[in-house]
N, C-alpha and C. Protein backbone atom coordinates (compact mmCIF):
# COMPACT_ATOMS: atom_id res chain seq x y z
N MET A 1 20.51 -15.86 -0.01
CA MET A 1 19.34 -14.85 0.56
C MET A 1 19.71 -14.05 1.55
N GLU A 2 20.64 -14.82 2.55
CA GLU A 2 20.83 -13.97 3.78
C GLU A 2 21.67 -12.78 3.46
N ASP A 3 22.66 -13.05 2.58
CA ASP A 3 23.56 -11.96 2.02
C ASP A 3 22.75 -10.84 1.37
N LEU A 4 21.58 -11.23 0.68
CA LEU A 4 20.85 -10.21 -0.01
C LEU A 4 20.12 -9.30 0.92
N GLN A 5 19.60 -9.95 2.17
CA GLN A 5 18.98 -9.36 3.28
C GLN A 5 19.76 -8.35 3.91
N ASN A 6 21.01 -8.86 4.33
CA ASN A 6 22.14 -8.06 4.90
C ASN A 6 22.55 -6.94 4.23
N ALA A 7 22.57 -7.21 2.94
CA ALA A 7 23.03 -6.05 1.93
C ALA A 7 21.87 -5.06 2.03
N MET A 8 20.52 -5.50 1.81
CA MET A 8 19.41 -4.43 2.00
C MET A 8 19.35 -3.53 3.26
N ARG A 9 19.55 -4.34 4.23
CA ARG A 9 19.48 -3.67 5.68
C ARG A 9 20.55 -2.67 5.73
N VAL A 10 21.79 -2.92 5.22
CA VAL A 10 22.89 -2.02 5.45
C VAL A 10 22.72 -0.93 4.77
N MET A 11 22.05 -0.93 3.18
CA MET A 11 21.66 0.06 2.44
C MET A 11 20.64 0.92 3.03
N ARG A 12 19.61 0.52 3.82
CA ARG A 12 18.46 1.14 4.01
C ARG A 12 18.83 2.25 5.29
N THR A 13 19.90 1.45 6.09
CA THR A 13 20.49 2.41 7.18
C THR A 13 21.52 3.25 6.66
N SER A 14 21.77 3.16 5.35
CA SER A 14 22.72 4.25 4.71
C SER A 14 24.42 3.98 5.25
N GLU A 15 24.57 2.88 5.75
CA GLU A 15 25.84 2.56 6.18
C GLU A 15 26.76 2.34 4.67
N LEU A 16 26.38 1.70 3.92
CA LEU A 16 26.84 1.54 2.61
C LEU A 16 26.05 1.78 1.32
N SER A 17 26.77 2.21 0.44
CA SER A 17 26.20 2.66 -0.81
C SER A 17 25.86 1.13 -1.55
N THR A 18 25.11 1.33 -2.70
CA THR A 18 24.61 0.01 -3.31
C THR A 18 25.95 -0.50 -3.93
N ASN A 19 27.02 0.24 -4.48
CA ASN A 19 27.97 -0.34 -5.01
C ASN A 19 28.89 -1.25 -3.99
N ALA A 20 29.05 -0.48 -2.87
CA ALA A 20 29.91 -0.90 -1.83
C ALA A 20 29.07 -2.27 -1.20
N ALA A 21 27.80 -2.30 -1.05
CA ALA A 21 27.16 -3.27 -0.32
C ALA A 21 27.06 -4.52 -1.45
N ALA A 22 27.14 -4.24 -2.60
CA ALA A 22 27.08 -5.15 -3.84
C ALA A 22 28.49 -6.08 -3.73
N ILE A 23 29.65 -5.15 -3.54
CA ILE A 23 30.92 -5.77 -3.72
C ILE A 23 31.08 -6.66 -2.21
N HIS A 24 30.68 -5.90 -1.26
CA HIS A 24 31.00 -6.55 0.25
C HIS A 24 30.18 -7.70 0.47
N TYR A 25 28.90 -7.97 -0.07
CA TYR A 25 27.95 -9.10 0.11
C TYR A 25 27.96 -9.96 -0.98
N ALA A 26 28.63 -9.74 -2.16
CA ALA A 26 28.74 -10.47 -3.25
C ALA A 26 27.34 -10.74 -3.88
N VAL A 27 26.67 -9.71 -4.02
CA VAL A 27 25.42 -9.66 -4.78
C VAL A 27 25.49 -8.53 -5.79
N LEU A 28 24.70 -8.87 -7.02
CA LEU A 28 24.73 -8.18 -7.91
C LEU A 28 24.24 -6.78 -7.70
N ARG A 29 24.88 -5.74 -8.32
CA ARG A 29 24.23 -4.45 -8.03
C ARG A 29 22.80 -4.20 -8.52
N ARG A 30 22.49 -4.70 -9.69
CA ARG A 30 21.27 -4.58 -10.26
C ARG A 30 20.32 -5.13 -9.63
N THR A 31 20.49 -6.48 -8.82
CA THR A 31 19.68 -7.19 -7.97
C THR A 31 19.31 -6.18 -6.83
N LEU A 32 20.34 -5.60 -6.12
CA LEU A 32 19.98 -4.73 -5.09
C LEU A 32 19.00 -3.56 -5.31
N ARG A 33 19.48 -2.83 -6.54
CA ARG A 33 18.63 -1.78 -6.92
C ARG A 33 17.22 -2.40 -7.31
N ALA A 34 17.19 -3.55 -7.84
CA ALA A 34 15.96 -3.99 -8.02
C ALA A 34 14.80 -4.06 -6.77
N TYR A 35 15.68 -4.84 -5.85
CA TYR A 35 15.03 -4.87 -4.64
C TYR A 35 14.64 -3.83 -3.78
N LEU A 36 15.51 -2.70 -4.08
CA LEU A 36 15.23 -1.51 -3.37
C LEU A 36 14.08 -0.72 -3.95
N ALA A 37 13.90 -0.75 -5.29
CA ALA A 37 13.01 0.04 -5.92
C ALA A 37 11.50 -0.59 -5.76
N GLU A 38 11.70 -1.80 -5.58
CA GLU A 38 10.41 -2.87 -5.44
C GLU A 38 9.76 -2.42 -4.08
N ASN A 39 10.60 -2.14 -3.08
CA ASN A 39 10.14 -2.00 -1.76
C ASN A 39 9.72 -0.50 -1.77
N GLU A 40 10.29 0.46 -2.41
CA GLU A 40 9.85 1.80 -2.37
C GLU A 40 8.51 1.88 -2.99
N GLU A 41 8.39 1.22 -4.30
CA GLU A 41 7.13 1.37 -4.91
C GLU A 41 5.90 0.66 -4.20
N SER A 42 6.12 -0.41 -3.30
CA SER A 42 5.11 -0.78 -2.72
C SER A 42 4.39 -0.01 -1.44
N LYS A 43 5.37 1.09 -0.95
CA LYS A 43 5.08 1.91 -0.04
C LYS A 43 4.17 2.94 -0.53
N SER A 44 3.92 3.15 -1.71
CA SER A 44 2.91 4.40 -2.51
C SER A 44 1.85 3.51 -2.76
N LYS A 45 0.77 4.40 -2.62
CA LYS A 45 -0.62 3.83 -2.97
C LYS A 45 -0.91 4.11 -4.27
N LEU A 46 -1.38 3.28 -5.37
CA LEU A 46 -1.66 3.42 -6.52
C LEU A 46 -3.30 3.65 -6.62
N GLY A 47 -3.65 4.30 -7.78
CA GLY A 47 -4.80 4.77 -8.00
C GLY A 47 -5.41 6.12 -7.46
N ARG A 48 -6.52 6.19 -7.56
CA ARG A 48 -7.13 7.78 -7.07
C ARG A 48 -7.11 7.74 -5.61
N LYS A 49 -7.16 8.83 -5.14
CA LYS A 49 -7.29 9.15 -3.70
C LYS A 49 -8.72 8.86 -3.37
N THR A 50 -8.88 8.31 -2.08
CA THR A 50 -10.14 7.95 -1.61
C THR A 50 -11.04 9.34 -1.29
N VAL A 51 -12.33 9.07 -1.50
CA VAL A 51 -13.12 10.21 -1.02
C VAL A 51 -13.55 10.12 0.48
N LEU A 52 -13.65 9.08 0.75
CA LEU A 52 -14.18 8.88 2.38
C LEU A 52 -12.89 8.34 3.11
N SER A 53 -13.05 8.76 4.23
CA SER A 53 -12.11 8.05 5.37
C SER A 53 -12.49 6.85 5.76
N PRO A 54 -11.60 6.13 6.46
CA PRO A 54 -11.88 4.79 6.93
C PRO A 54 -13.12 4.78 7.58
N GLN A 55 -13.30 5.64 8.52
CA GLN A 55 -14.35 5.89 9.42
C GLN A 55 -15.73 6.15 8.82
N GLN A 56 -15.66 6.85 7.84
CA GLN A 56 -16.97 7.16 6.95
C GLN A 56 -17.24 6.12 6.26
N GLU A 57 -16.25 5.10 5.59
CA GLU A 57 -16.54 3.97 4.94
C GLU A 57 -17.20 2.73 5.88
N LYS A 58 -16.83 2.76 7.10
CA LYS A 58 -17.44 1.84 7.96
C LYS A 58 -18.93 2.27 8.44
N GLU A 59 -19.08 3.65 8.63
CA GLU A 59 -20.55 4.11 8.77
C GLU A 59 -21.25 3.83 7.55
N LEU A 60 -20.80 4.02 6.40
CA LEU A 60 -21.51 3.83 5.05
C LEU A 60 -22.01 2.49 4.89
N SER A 61 -20.92 1.43 5.20
CA SER A 61 -21.31 0.09 5.20
C SER A 61 -22.32 -0.41 6.01
N LYS A 62 -22.20 0.20 7.34
CA LYS A 62 -23.26 -0.22 8.11
C LYS A 62 -24.56 0.37 7.77
N ARG A 63 -24.60 1.41 7.06
CA ARG A 63 -25.70 2.17 6.79
C ARG A 63 -26.61 1.32 5.73
N ILE A 64 -25.61 0.87 4.58
CA ILE A 64 -25.98 -0.11 3.59
C ILE A 64 -26.44 -1.40 4.02
N ILE A 65 -25.84 -2.01 5.09
CA ILE A 65 -26.42 -3.18 5.48
C ILE A 65 -27.76 -3.02 6.34
N ARG A 66 -27.76 -1.93 7.05
CA ARG A 66 -29.17 -1.74 7.69
C ARG A 66 -30.40 -1.42 6.62
N LEU A 67 -30.03 -0.69 5.63
CA LEU A 67 -31.02 -0.46 4.48
C LEU A 67 -31.56 -1.80 3.76
N SER A 68 -30.46 -2.70 3.84
CA SER A 68 -30.63 -3.92 3.08
C SER A 68 -31.47 -4.93 3.87
N GLN A 69 -31.26 -4.81 5.23
CA GLN A 69 -32.11 -5.81 6.04
C GLN A 69 -33.60 -5.21 6.26
N THR A 70 -33.75 -3.92 5.94
CA THR A 70 -35.11 -3.68 6.21
C THR A 70 -35.85 -3.63 4.66
N GLY A 71 -35.16 -4.07 3.90
CA GLY A 71 -35.88 -4.33 2.47
C GLY A 71 -35.86 -3.41 1.47
N CYS A 72 -35.06 -2.29 1.69
CA CYS A 72 -34.95 -0.96 0.77
C CYS A 72 -33.85 -1.40 -0.28
N PRO A 73 -34.14 -1.23 -1.55
CA PRO A 73 -33.29 -1.78 -2.58
C PRO A 73 -32.26 -0.57 -2.54
N ILE A 74 -30.99 -1.22 -2.53
CA ILE A 74 -29.75 -0.37 -2.64
C ILE A 74 -29.49 -0.16 -4.14
N THR A 75 -29.61 1.10 -4.47
CA THR A 75 -29.15 1.37 -5.96
C THR A 75 -27.94 2.43 -5.80
N LEU A 76 -27.37 2.87 -6.79
CA LEU A 76 -26.30 3.70 -6.94
C LEU A 76 -26.80 5.00 -6.32
N LYS A 77 -27.96 5.33 -6.65
CA LYS A 77 -28.49 6.57 -6.31
C LYS A 77 -28.64 6.75 -4.90
N VAL A 78 -28.97 5.69 -4.15
CA VAL A 78 -29.21 5.74 -2.55
C VAL A 78 -27.87 5.77 -2.24
N VAL A 79 -26.95 5.10 -2.59
CA VAL A 79 -25.38 5.18 -1.96
C VAL A 79 -25.04 6.48 -2.23
N ARG A 80 -25.12 6.92 -3.32
CA ARG A 80 -24.62 8.55 -3.63
C ARG A 80 -25.21 9.23 -2.61
N MET A 81 -26.66 9.27 -2.31
CA MET A 81 -27.27 10.19 -1.39
C MET A 81 -26.76 10.13 0.13
N CYS A 82 -26.45 8.80 0.56
CA CYS A 82 -25.78 8.61 1.87
C CYS A 82 -24.60 9.11 1.79
N VAL A 83 -23.80 8.94 0.80
CA VAL A 83 -22.33 9.83 0.81
C VAL A 83 -22.37 11.16 0.89
N PHE A 84 -23.04 11.74 0.03
CA PHE A 84 -22.93 13.24 -0.12
C PHE A 84 -23.94 14.07 0.34
N THR A 85 -24.75 13.49 1.58
CA THR A 85 -25.55 14.27 2.26
C THR A 85 -25.18 14.12 3.67
């Protein structure tokens, strides 16, 4: 496991190619490529782009909580009005 981590570190810093790291650290080339691809995919976000910024989401959640505490029924229509007005 330590060899795999060292090989990944060396590949990320572009000191060695995948093939050279596989030979030097005695780790299968396919294993290195799979780990490298897995880490690159985890950086990208999946799904649709968000409509609201994180700050807007916090404000919306506070508003929804405040409305529910006052007894106002929270419906999809109410949430949409809060978001788009």
